[in-house]
Amino acid sequence: MAWEVVSWACGHNGHIQMYGPLSGRTARQAQEAEQKCFACWLLRQWASGNDPRAGNVDAARAIAEGNGIHISPFALAASGAAALRAEAAELRARAAELERRAAEIETAPAPAV
């Protein structure tokens, strides 16, 4: 399992949790880059079906997260330095979570043999 960086056709960047050999993950990255991110796709589906969730970016993003797709903040209007700072803040939060998980593994009791 690995988190791979993806830049989708809609302009969003993020990470997808992928499994399997590197060649398969690389192919999926290329495939993902040619389409909209899951949240944008979901918002469009909701809008076309007159779903009451249409336009609910937070709900779409939460569903994407639940499917192993981490999408960077929906600040499409933000550009340049502001967008980079938002991405950096998100990466710092992800790094802190990984550090917390690593500390849990290090402090866990060794399995009995």
N, C-alpha and C. Protein backbone atom coordinates (compact mmCIF):
# COMPACT_ATOMS: atom_id res chain seq x y z
N MET A 1 0.84 -1.17 0.00
CA MET A 1 0.00 0.00 0.00
C MET A 1 0.89 1.23 0.00
N ALA A 2 0.47 2.24 -0.78
CA ALA A 2 1.23 3.48 -0.83
C ALA A 2 0.28 4.62 -1.16
N TRP A 3 0.64 5.81 -0.71
CA TRP A 3 -0.07 7.02 -1.08
C TRP A 3 0.69 7.63 -2.24
N GLU A 4 0.02 7.76 -3.38
CA GLU A 4 0.65 8.32 -4.57
C GLU A 4 0.07 9.70 -4.87
N VAL A 5 0.92 10.62 -5.30
CA VAL A 5 0.50 11.98 -5.63
C VAL A 5 -0.16 11.98 -7.00
N VAL A 6 -1.28 12.71 -7.11
CA VAL A 6 -2.01 12.80 -8.37
C VAL A 6 -2.40 14.24 -8.63
N SER A 7 -2.32 14.66 -9.89
CA SER A 7 -2.84 15.95 -10.34
C SER A 7 -3.94 15.64 -11.35
N TRP A 8 -5.19 15.92 -10.96
CA TRP A 8 -6.33 15.58 -11.81
C TRP A 8 -6.56 16.65 -12.87
N ALA A 9 -7.34 16.30 -13.89
CA ALA A 9 -7.65 17.20 -15.00
C ALA A 9 -8.46 18.41 -14.55
N CYS A 10 -9.17 18.32 -13.42
CA CYS A 10 -9.98 19.44 -12.93
C CYS A 10 -9.13 20.52 -12.26
N GLY A 11 -7.86 20.23 -12.04
CA GLY A 11 -6.97 21.21 -11.42
C GLY A 11 -6.65 20.92 -9.96
N HIS A 12 -7.32 19.95 -9.38
CA HIS A 12 -7.03 19.58 -8.00
C HIS A 12 -5.82 18.66 -7.93
N ASN A 13 -5.13 18.74 -6.82
CA ASN A 13 -4.01 17.85 -6.54
C ASN A 13 -4.35 17.07 -5.29
N GLY A 14 -3.76 15.92 -5.14
CA GLY A 14 -4.00 15.15 -3.94
C GLY A 14 -3.22 13.85 -3.92
N HIS A 15 -3.69 12.94 -3.09
CA HIS A 15 -3.03 11.65 -2.90
C HIS A 15 -4.09 10.56 -2.97
N ILE A 16 -3.74 9.46 -3.57
CA ILE A 16 -4.62 8.30 -3.64
C ILE A 16 -3.91 7.12 -2.99
N GLN A 17 -4.66 6.40 -2.18
CA GLN A 17 -4.12 5.20 -1.57
C GLN A 17 -4.20 4.09 -2.61
N MET A 18 -3.04 3.54 -2.98
CA MET A 18 -2.98 2.52 -4.03
C MET A 18 -2.32 1.26 -3.50
N TYR A 19 -2.69 0.17 -4.10
CA TYR A 19 -2.17 -1.14 -3.72
C TYR A 19 -1.56 -1.81 -4.94
N GLY A 20 -0.71 -2.77 -4.73
CA GLY A 20 -0.16 -3.56 -5.81
C GLY A 20 1.21 -3.08 -6.24
N PRO A 21 1.73 -3.69 -7.33
CA PRO A 21 3.07 -3.37 -7.79
C PRO A 21 3.16 -1.95 -8.33
N LEU A 22 4.38 -1.43 -8.36
CA LEU A 22 4.63 -0.06 -8.80
C LEU A 22 4.10 0.19 -10.21
N SER A 23 4.25 -0.78 -11.11
CA SER A 23 3.78 -0.58 -12.49
C SER A 23 2.28 -0.33 -12.53
N GLY A 24 1.53 -1.02 -11.71
CA GLY A 24 0.09 -0.81 -11.65
C GLY A 24 -0.27 0.53 -11.07
N ARG A 25 0.47 0.95 -10.06
CA ARG A 25 0.21 2.25 -9.44
C ARG A 25 0.53 3.38 -10.41
N THR A 26 1.62 3.23 -11.17
CA THR A 26 2.00 4.24 -12.15
C THR A 26 0.94 4.37 -13.24
N ALA A 27 0.42 3.24 -13.67
CA ALA A 27 -0.64 3.26 -14.70
C ALA A 27 -1.89 3.93 -14.16
N ARG A 28 -2.23 3.67 -12.91
CA ARG A 28 -3.43 4.29 -12.34
C ARG A 28 -3.23 5.79 -12.17
N GLN A 29 -2.02 6.22 -11.80
CA GLN A 29 -1.73 7.65 -11.69
C GLN A 29 -1.98 8.34 -13.04
N ALA A 30 -1.51 7.74 -14.10
CA ALA A 30 -1.69 8.31 -15.44
C ALA A 30 -3.17 8.37 -15.80
N GLN A 31 -3.90 7.31 -15.45
CA GLN A 31 -5.34 7.27 -15.73
C GLN A 31 -6.08 8.34 -14.94
N GLU A 32 -5.74 8.50 -13.67
CA GLU A 32 -6.39 9.50 -12.82
C GLU A 32 -6.13 10.91 -13.35
N ALA A 33 -4.93 11.17 -13.88
CA ALA A 33 -4.56 12.49 -14.37
C ALA A 33 -5.42 12.93 -15.55
N GLU A 34 -6.02 11.98 -16.24
CA GLU A 34 -6.83 12.29 -17.41
C GLU A 34 -8.29 12.59 -17.08
N GLN A 35 -8.68 12.45 -15.82
CA GLN A 35 -10.08 12.66 -15.46
C GLN A 35 -10.20 13.61 -14.27
N LYS A 36 -11.43 14.01 -13.97
CA LYS A 36 -11.67 14.88 -12.82
C LYS A 36 -11.48 14.08 -11.54
N CYS A 37 -11.19 14.79 -10.46
CA CYS A 37 -11.06 14.11 -9.17
C CYS A 37 -12.42 13.55 -8.75
N PHE A 38 -12.41 12.64 -7.81
CA PHE A 38 -13.63 11.97 -7.38
C PHE A 38 -14.67 12.96 -6.86
N ALA A 39 -14.23 13.97 -6.11
CA ALA A 39 -15.17 14.94 -5.55
C ALA A 39 -15.84 15.76 -6.65
N CYS A 40 -15.09 16.22 -7.64
CA CYS A 40 -15.68 16.97 -8.75
C CYS A 40 -16.65 16.10 -9.54
N TRP A 41 -16.26 14.85 -9.77
CA TRP A 41 -17.14 13.92 -10.47
C TRP A 41 -18.44 13.73 -9.69
N LEU A 42 -18.30 13.56 -8.38
CA LEU A 42 -19.47 13.34 -7.53
C LEU A 42 -20.38 14.57 -7.51
N LEU A 43 -19.81 15.75 -7.41
CA LEU A 43 -20.61 16.98 -7.44
C LEU A 43 -21.38 17.10 -8.76
N ARG A 44 -20.74 16.73 -9.85
CA ARG A 44 -21.43 16.79 -11.15
C ARG A 44 -22.57 15.77 -11.21
N GLN A 45 -22.34 14.58 -10.67
CA GLN A 45 -23.40 13.56 -10.66
C GLN A 45 -24.59 14.07 -9.84
N TRP A 46 -24.31 14.66 -8.70
CA TRP A 46 -25.38 15.17 -7.85
C TRP A 46 -26.15 16.27 -8.57
N ALA A 47 -25.42 17.17 -9.24
CA ALA A 47 -26.08 18.28 -9.94
C ALA A 47 -26.95 17.78 -11.08
N SER A 48 -26.46 16.80 -11.83
CA SER A 48 -27.23 16.29 -12.97
C SER A 48 -28.46 15.51 -12.53
N GLY A 49 -28.42 14.97 -11.31
CA GLY A 49 -29.57 14.21 -10.80
C GLY A 49 -30.45 15.02 -9.87
N ASN A 50 -30.25 16.34 -9.83
CA ASN A 50 -31.01 17.22 -8.94
C ASN A 50 -30.98 16.73 -7.49
N ASP A 51 -29.86 16.22 -7.09
CA ASP A 51 -29.67 15.73 -5.72
C ASP A 51 -29.53 16.92 -4.77
N PRO A 52 -30.13 16.86 -3.59
CA PRO A 52 -30.02 17.99 -2.66
C PRO A 52 -28.59 18.25 -2.19
N ARG A 53 -27.68 17.29 -2.38
CA ARG A 53 -26.29 17.48 -1.98
C ARG A 53 -25.49 18.26 -3.02
N ALA A 54 -26.09 18.56 -4.17
CA ALA A 54 -25.39 19.28 -5.24
C ALA A 54 -24.81 20.57 -4.68
N GLY A 55 -23.54 20.78 -4.91
CA GLY A 55 -22.88 21.98 -4.41
C GLY A 55 -22.29 21.82 -3.02
N ASN A 56 -22.51 20.69 -2.38
CA ASN A 56 -21.98 20.46 -1.03
C ASN A 56 -20.56 19.90 -1.14
N VAL A 57 -19.61 20.80 -1.25
CA VAL A 57 -18.21 20.42 -1.45
C VAL A 57 -17.69 19.60 -0.28
N ASP A 58 -18.09 19.97 0.94
CA ASP A 58 -17.61 19.25 2.12
C ASP A 58 -18.05 17.79 2.11
N ALA A 59 -19.29 17.54 1.71
CA ALA A 59 -19.79 16.16 1.65
C ALA A 59 -19.04 15.36 0.59
N ALA A 60 -18.84 15.96 -0.58
CA ALA A 60 -18.12 15.27 -1.66
C ALA A 60 -16.70 14.95 -1.24
N ARG A 61 -16.06 15.89 -0.58
CA ARG A 61 -14.68 15.67 -0.14
C ARG A 61 -14.61 14.58 0.92
N ALA A 62 -15.58 14.57 1.84
CA ALA A 62 -15.60 13.54 2.89
C ALA A 62 -15.80 12.15 2.28
N ILE A 63 -16.65 12.05 1.28
CA ILE A 63 -16.87 10.75 0.62
C ILE A 63 -15.60 10.31 -0.10
N ALA A 64 -14.92 11.24 -0.75
CA ALA A 64 -13.65 10.92 -1.41
C ALA A 64 -12.64 10.40 -0.39
N GLU A 65 -12.54 11.09 0.75
CA GLU A 65 -11.61 10.67 1.81
C GLU A 65 -11.93 9.24 2.26
N GLY A 66 -13.21 8.94 2.39
CA GLY A 66 -13.62 7.60 2.81
C GLY A 66 -13.26 6.53 1.80
N ASN A 67 -13.02 6.94 0.56
CA ASN A 67 -12.64 6.01 -0.49
C ASN A 67 -11.13 6.02 -0.75
N GLY A 68 -10.36 6.55 0.20
CA GLY A 68 -8.90 6.53 0.06
C GLY A 68 -8.36 7.55 -0.92
N ILE A 69 -9.12 8.65 -1.15
CA ILE A 69 -8.69 9.68 -2.08
C ILE A 69 -8.61 10.99 -1.30
N HIS A 70 -7.41 11.49 -1.11
CA HIS A 70 -7.19 12.72 -0.36
C HIS A 70 -7.03 13.86 -1.36
N ILE A 71 -7.99 14.79 -1.35
CA ILE A 71 -7.97 15.89 -2.30
C ILE A 71 -7.57 17.16 -1.57
N SER A 72 -6.62 17.89 -2.12
CA SER A 72 -6.18 19.14 -1.52
C SER A 72 -7.34 20.12 -1.45
N PRO A 73 -7.21 21.16 -0.63
CA PRO A 73 -8.31 22.11 -0.45
C PRO A 73 -8.90 22.61 -1.78
N PHE A 74 -10.19 22.86 -1.75
CA PHE A 74 -10.90 23.26 -2.95
C PHE A 74 -10.73 24.75 -3.22
N ALA A 75 -9.55 25.24 -3.13
CA ALA A 75 -9.29 26.67 -3.34
C ALA A 75 -8.85 26.88 -4.77
N LEU A 76 -9.73 26.60 -5.73
CA LEU A 76 -9.36 26.77 -7.13
C LEU A 76 -9.08 28.23 -7.46
N ALA A 77 -9.75 29.14 -6.77
CA ALA A 77 -9.52 30.54 -7.03
C ALA A 77 -8.15 30.98 -6.51
N ALA A 78 -7.68 30.28 -5.48
CA ALA A 78 -6.36 30.61 -4.94
C ALA A 78 -5.30 30.19 -5.95
N SER A 79 -4.28 30.98 -6.05
CA SER A 79 -3.22 30.63 -7.00
C SER A 79 -1.88 31.03 -6.43
N GLY A 80 -0.86 30.61 -7.11
CA GLY A 80 0.48 31.00 -6.73
C GLY A 80 0.85 30.63 -5.31
N ALA A 81 1.37 31.61 -4.57
CA ALA A 81 1.89 31.38 -3.23
C ALA A 81 0.81 30.89 -2.27
N ALA A 82 -0.40 31.43 -2.37
CA ALA A 82 -1.48 31.02 -1.46
C ALA A 82 -1.80 29.54 -1.63
N ALA A 83 -1.86 29.08 -2.86
CA ALA A 83 -2.14 27.67 -3.12
C ALA A 83 -1.02 26.78 -2.59
N LEU A 84 0.21 27.22 -2.78
CA LEU A 84 1.35 26.44 -2.29
C LEU A 84 1.36 26.38 -0.77
N ARG A 85 1.01 27.49 -0.11
CA ARG A 85 0.95 27.49 1.36
C ARG A 85 -0.14 26.56 1.87
N ALA A 86 -1.29 26.56 1.19
CA ALA A 86 -2.38 25.67 1.59
C ALA A 86 -1.95 24.22 1.45
N GLU A 87 -1.29 23.89 0.37
CA GLU A 87 -0.80 22.53 0.15
C GLU A 87 0.24 22.16 1.20
N ALA A 88 1.15 23.09 1.52
CA ALA A 88 2.18 22.83 2.53
C ALA A 88 1.56 22.58 3.90
N ALA A 89 0.53 23.34 4.26
CA ALA A 89 -0.14 23.14 5.54
C ALA A 89 -0.80 21.77 5.60
N GLU A 90 -1.39 21.36 4.50
CA GLU A 90 -2.03 20.05 4.47
C GLU A 90 -1.00 18.93 4.57
N LEU A 91 0.13 19.09 3.91
CA LEU A 91 1.20 18.09 3.99
C LEU A 91 1.78 18.01 5.40
N ARG A 92 1.90 19.16 6.08
CA ARG A 92 2.39 19.15 7.47
C ARG A 92 1.42 18.39 8.36
N ALA A 93 0.12 18.59 8.16
CA ALA A 93 -0.88 17.87 8.96
C ALA A 93 -0.79 16.37 8.69
N ARG A 94 -0.60 15.98 7.45
CA ARG A 94 -0.47 14.56 7.09
C ARG A 94 0.80 13.98 7.72
N ALA A 95 1.90 14.74 7.67
CA ALA A 95 3.16 14.28 8.27
C ALA A 95 3.00 14.09 9.78
N ALA A 96 2.29 15.00 10.43
CA ALA A 96 2.07 14.87 11.88
C ALA A 96 1.27 13.61 12.19
N GLU A 97 0.28 13.31 11.37
CA GLU A 97 -0.51 12.08 11.56
C GLU A 97 0.37 10.84 11.39
N LEU A 98 1.23 10.84 10.38
CA LEU A 98 2.13 9.70 10.16
C LEU A 98 3.10 9.54 11.32
N GLU A 99 3.62 10.65 11.85
CA GLU A 99 4.51 10.60 13.01
C GLU A 99 3.79 10.00 14.22
N ARG A 100 2.53 10.40 14.42
CA ARG A 100 1.75 9.87 15.53
C ARG A 100 1.57 8.36 15.40
N ARG A 101 1.25 7.91 14.18
CA ARG A 101 1.07 6.47 13.96
C ARG A 101 2.36 5.70 14.15
N ALA A 102 3.48 6.29 13.69
CA ALA A 102 4.78 5.63 13.86
C ALA A 102 5.12 5.51 15.34
N ALA A 103 4.82 6.55 16.12
CA ALA A 103 5.09 6.51 17.56
C ALA A 103 4.25 5.43 18.24
N GLU A 104 3.02 5.25 17.79
CA GLU A 104 2.16 4.20 18.35
C GLU A 104 2.76 2.82 18.09
N ILE A 105 3.28 2.63 16.88
CA ILE A 105 3.88 1.34 16.53
C ILE A 105 5.13 1.10 17.35
N GLU A 106 5.95 2.13 17.53
CA GLU A 106 7.19 1.98 18.29
C GLU A 106 6.93 1.69 19.76
N THR A 107 5.86 2.23 20.31
CA THR A 107 5.58 2.04 21.72
C THR A 107 4.68 0.84 22.01
N ALA A 108 4.20 0.19 20.98
CA ALA A 108 3.33 -0.97 21.18
C ALA A 108 4.16 -2.12 21.74
N PRO A 109 3.55 -2.91 22.63
CA PRO A 109 4.31 -4.04 23.18
C PRO A 109 4.64 -5.06 22.09
N ALA A 110 5.78 -5.69 22.25
CA ALA A 110 6.20 -6.71 21.29
C ALA A 110 5.27 -7.92 21.40
N PRO A 111 4.95 -8.54 20.26
CA PRO A 111 4.08 -9.72 20.30
C PRO A 111 4.76 -10.88 21.04
N ALA A 112 3.96 -11.60 21.77
CA ALA A 112 4.49 -12.77 22.51
C ALA A 112 4.81 -13.88 21.53
N VAL A 113 5.90 -14.56 21.76
CA VAL A 113 6.32 -15.64 20.89
C VAL A 113 6.04 -16.97 21.52
